[in-house]
Amino acid sequence: MRTYENSGSYSDTVRNASRKVWLASLGAAVVTREWAQAEAPKVIRSLVKEGTLVESRTIRIVGDRLEGTFTRANTMWRRAQSTVRQAAGNAITLVQSNLPNVKLPAMFAPAAKPTPAKKRAVKATRATKPRTAKTAKQAPRRKARTAK
């Protein structure tokens, strides 16, 4: 173990060491300032360029995956819709063929297309009806309810 007989040399050593630390920090500050002025803009531009490339690749990949997912979802929806319509049509046909006397509700019965003769008759009745002028105090007519 080293002993110091003179306390003055120990304090000189501590003072010299602290001064070296101070000078090293000043040197680091100067080097950093010079680097920031000379090379930092190049490094920052390079980092921004790389970040832009990564971002554009990521957006493209995510967009492609989303497009594929939407396409698959639409295909599955169309298949499910077709299957349900086919099953409903088969059920209606089965009921109609096995129970011919049962009248289906209007929403399941096939829609009857008006014949051209019926269309002409409707147009003729509309044309022959006399038009009446409505007065301001005339109450609106209500439809009569039919008993079921």
Protein backbone atom coordinates (compact mmCIF):
# COMPACT_ATOMS: atom_id res chain seq x y z
CA MET A 1 0.00 0.00 0.00
CA ARG A 2 1.24 3.37 -0.90
CA THR A 3 1.31 5.98 1.80
CA TYR A 4 1.68 9.66 1.34
CA GLU A 5 3.88 11.34 3.78
CA ASN A 6 3.18 14.71 2.39
CA SER A 7 -0.53 15.54 2.26
CA GLY A 8 0.23 18.20 -0.32
CA SER A 9 1.16 15.66 -3.00
CA TYR A 10 -2.15 13.79 -2.47
CA SER A 11 -4.16 16.96 -2.94
CA ASP A 12 -2.09 17.79 -6.04
CA THR A 13 -2.90 14.36 -7.48
CA VAL A 14 -6.63 14.84 -6.88
CA ARG A 15 -6.55 18.33 -8.33
CA ASN A 16 -4.63 17.15 -11.41
CA ALA A 17 -7.07 14.27 -11.96
CA SER A 18 -10.10 16.54 -11.70
CA ARG A 19 -8.47 19.00 -14.07
CA LYS A 20 -7.86 16.20 -16.61
CA VAL A 21 -11.53 15.19 -16.38
CA TRP A 22 -12.56 18.79 -16.95
CA LEU A 23 -10.24 19.17 -19.94
CA ALA A 24 -11.48 15.87 -21.40
CA SER A 25 -15.10 17.05 -21.14
CA LEU A 26 -14.20 20.34 -22.85
CA GLY A 27 -12.46 18.40 -25.63
CA ALA A 28 -15.51 16.12 -26.01
CA ALA A 29 -17.79 19.15 -26.26
CA VAL A 30 -15.63 20.68 -29.01
CA VAL A 31 -15.42 17.42 -30.97
CA THR A 32 -19.19 16.94 -30.65
CA ARG A 33 -19.84 20.49 -31.84
CA GLU A 34 -17.56 20.03 -34.83
CA TRP A 35 -19.19 16.67 -35.66
CA ALA A 36 -22.67 18.19 -35.35
CA GLN A 37 -21.71 20.98 -37.73
CA ALA A 38 -19.89 18.84 -40.29
CA GLU A 39 -21.26 15.30 -40.31
CA ALA A 40 -24.59 15.25 -38.43
CA PRO A 41 -26.71 16.64 -41.32
CA LYS A 42 -25.45 13.84 -43.60
CA VAL A 43 -26.24 11.20 -40.98
CA ILE A 44 -29.69 12.65 -40.28
CA ARG A 45 -30.51 12.81 -44.01
CA SER A 46 -29.42 9.21 -44.39
CA LEU A 47 -31.59 8.13 -41.44
CA VAL A 48 -34.62 10.00 -42.82
CA LYS A 49 -34.14 8.37 -46.23
CA GLU A 50 -33.97 4.89 -44.71
CA GLY A 51 -37.01 5.60 -42.54
CA THR A 52 -39.00 6.75 -45.58
CA LEU A 53 -38.13 3.56 -47.47
CA VAL A 54 -39.16 1.35 -44.55
CA GLU A 55 -42.41 3.28 -44.13
CA SER A 56 -43.37 3.01 -47.81
CA ARG A 57 -42.60 -0.74 -47.88
CA THR A 58 -44.69 -1.27 -44.75
CA ILE A 59 -47.65 0.67 -46.13
CA ARG A 60 -47.51 -1.32 -49.38
CA ILE A 61 -47.35 -4.67 -47.56
CA VAL A 62 -50.20 -3.79 -45.20
CA GLY A 63 -52.29 -2.48 -48.12
CA ASP A 64 -51.75 -5.69 -50.10
CA ARG A 65 -52.72 -7.82 -47.13
CA LEU A 66 -55.84 -5.74 -46.47
CA GLU A 67 -56.87 -5.99 -50.12
CA GLY A 68 -56.48 -9.77 -50.01
CA THR A 69 -58.48 -9.97 -46.81
CA PHE A 70 -61.32 -7.88 -48.24
CA THR A 71 -61.36 -10.00 -51.41
CA ARG A 72 -61.59 -13.20 -49.39
CA ALA A 73 -64.31 -11.74 -47.15
CA ASN A 74 -66.39 -10.65 -50.17
CA THR A 75 -66.01 -14.09 -51.75
CA MET A 76 -67.11 -15.80 -48.54
CA TRP A 77 -70.06 -13.41 -48.23
CA ARG A 78 -71.22 -14.16 -51.78
CA ARG A 79 -70.92 -17.91 -51.18
CA ALA A 80 -72.86 -17.70 -47.91
CA GLN A 81 -75.54 -15.55 -49.55
CA SER A 82 -75.86 -17.98 -52.46
CA THR A 83 -76.07 -20.96 -50.11
CA VAL A 84 -78.79 -19.34 -48.01
CA ARG A 85 -80.81 -18.38 -51.10
CA GLN A 86 -80.47 -21.87 -52.53
CA ALA A 87 -81.49 -23.50 -49.23
CA ALA A 88 -84.50 -21.17 -48.92
CA GLY A 89 -85.54 -21.90 -52.50
CA ASN A 90 -85.24 -25.64 -51.90
CA ALA A 91 -87.32 -25.35 -48.72
CA ILE A 92 -90.05 -23.37 -50.51
CA THR A 93 -90.14 -25.87 -53.37
CA LEU A 94 -90.32 -28.76 -50.91
CA VAL A 95 -93.18 -27.16 -48.97
CA GLN A 96 -95.10 -26.29 -52.14
CA SER A 97 -94.75 -29.76 -53.59
CA ASN A 98 -95.62 -31.64 -50.37
CA LEU A 99 -98.31 -29.31 -49.09
CA PRO A 100 -100.09 -27.94 -52.19
CA ASN A 101 -103.10 -26.65 -50.22
CA VAL A 102 -101.01 -24.48 -47.87
CA LYS A 103 -100.84 -20.87 -48.94
CA LEU A 104 -97.44 -19.34 -48.30
CA PRO A 105 -97.13 -15.82 -46.90
CA ALA A 106 -96.79 -13.14 -49.58
CA MET A 107 -93.10 -12.62 -48.91
CA PHE A 108 -92.35 -16.27 -49.88
CA ALA A 109 -94.78 -16.55 -52.78
CA PRO A 110 -93.42 -15.78 -56.24
CA ALA A 111 -94.41 -12.32 -57.42
CA ALA A 112 -97.09 -12.29 -60.10
CA LYS A 113 -96.13 -10.17 -63.07
CA PRO A 114 -98.94 -7.97 -64.41
CA THR A 115 -100.08 -8.86 -67.90
CA PRO A 116 -100.18 -6.19 -70.60
CA ALA A 117 -104.01 -6.27 -70.56
CA LYS A 118 -104.04 -5.44 -66.84
CA LYS A 119 -101.58 -2.59 -67.39
CA ARG A 120 -103.82 -1.09 -70.08
CA ALA A 121 -106.89 -1.40 -67.86
CA VAL A 122 -105.14 0.39 -64.97
CA LYS A 123 -104.03 3.20 -67.27
CA ALA A 124 -107.55 3.54 -68.68
CA THR A 125 -109.16 3.84 -65.24
CA ARG A 126 -106.66 6.46 -64.21
CA ALA A 127 -107.37 8.50 -67.30
CA THR A 128 -111.19 8.42 -66.88
CA LYS A 129 -111.32 9.38 -63.19
CA PRO A 130 -112.35 13.00 -62.73
CA ARG A 131 -109.86 15.04 -60.78
CA THR A 132 -111.12 17.01 -57.80
CA ALA A 133 -109.49 20.05 -56.32
CA LYS A 134 -108.51 19.63 -52.69
CA THR A 135 -109.58 22.34 -50.29
CA ALA A 136 -107.41 23.52 -47.46
CA LYS A 137 -109.78 22.27 -44.75
CA GLN A 138 -110.49 18.85 -46.26
CA ALA A 139 -109.45 16.07 -43.86
CA PRO A 140 -107.27 13.31 -45.21
CA ARG A 141 -109.06 10.03 -45.84
CA ARG A 142 -108.18 7.02 -43.79
CA LYS A 143 -108.16 3.49 -45.10
CA ALA A 144 -110.89 1.27 -43.71
CA ARG A 145 -109.61 -1.66 -41.73
CA THR A 146 -110.74 -5.08 -42.76
CA ALA A 147 -111.48 -7.73 -40.17
CA LYS A 148 -109.27 -10.77 -40.35
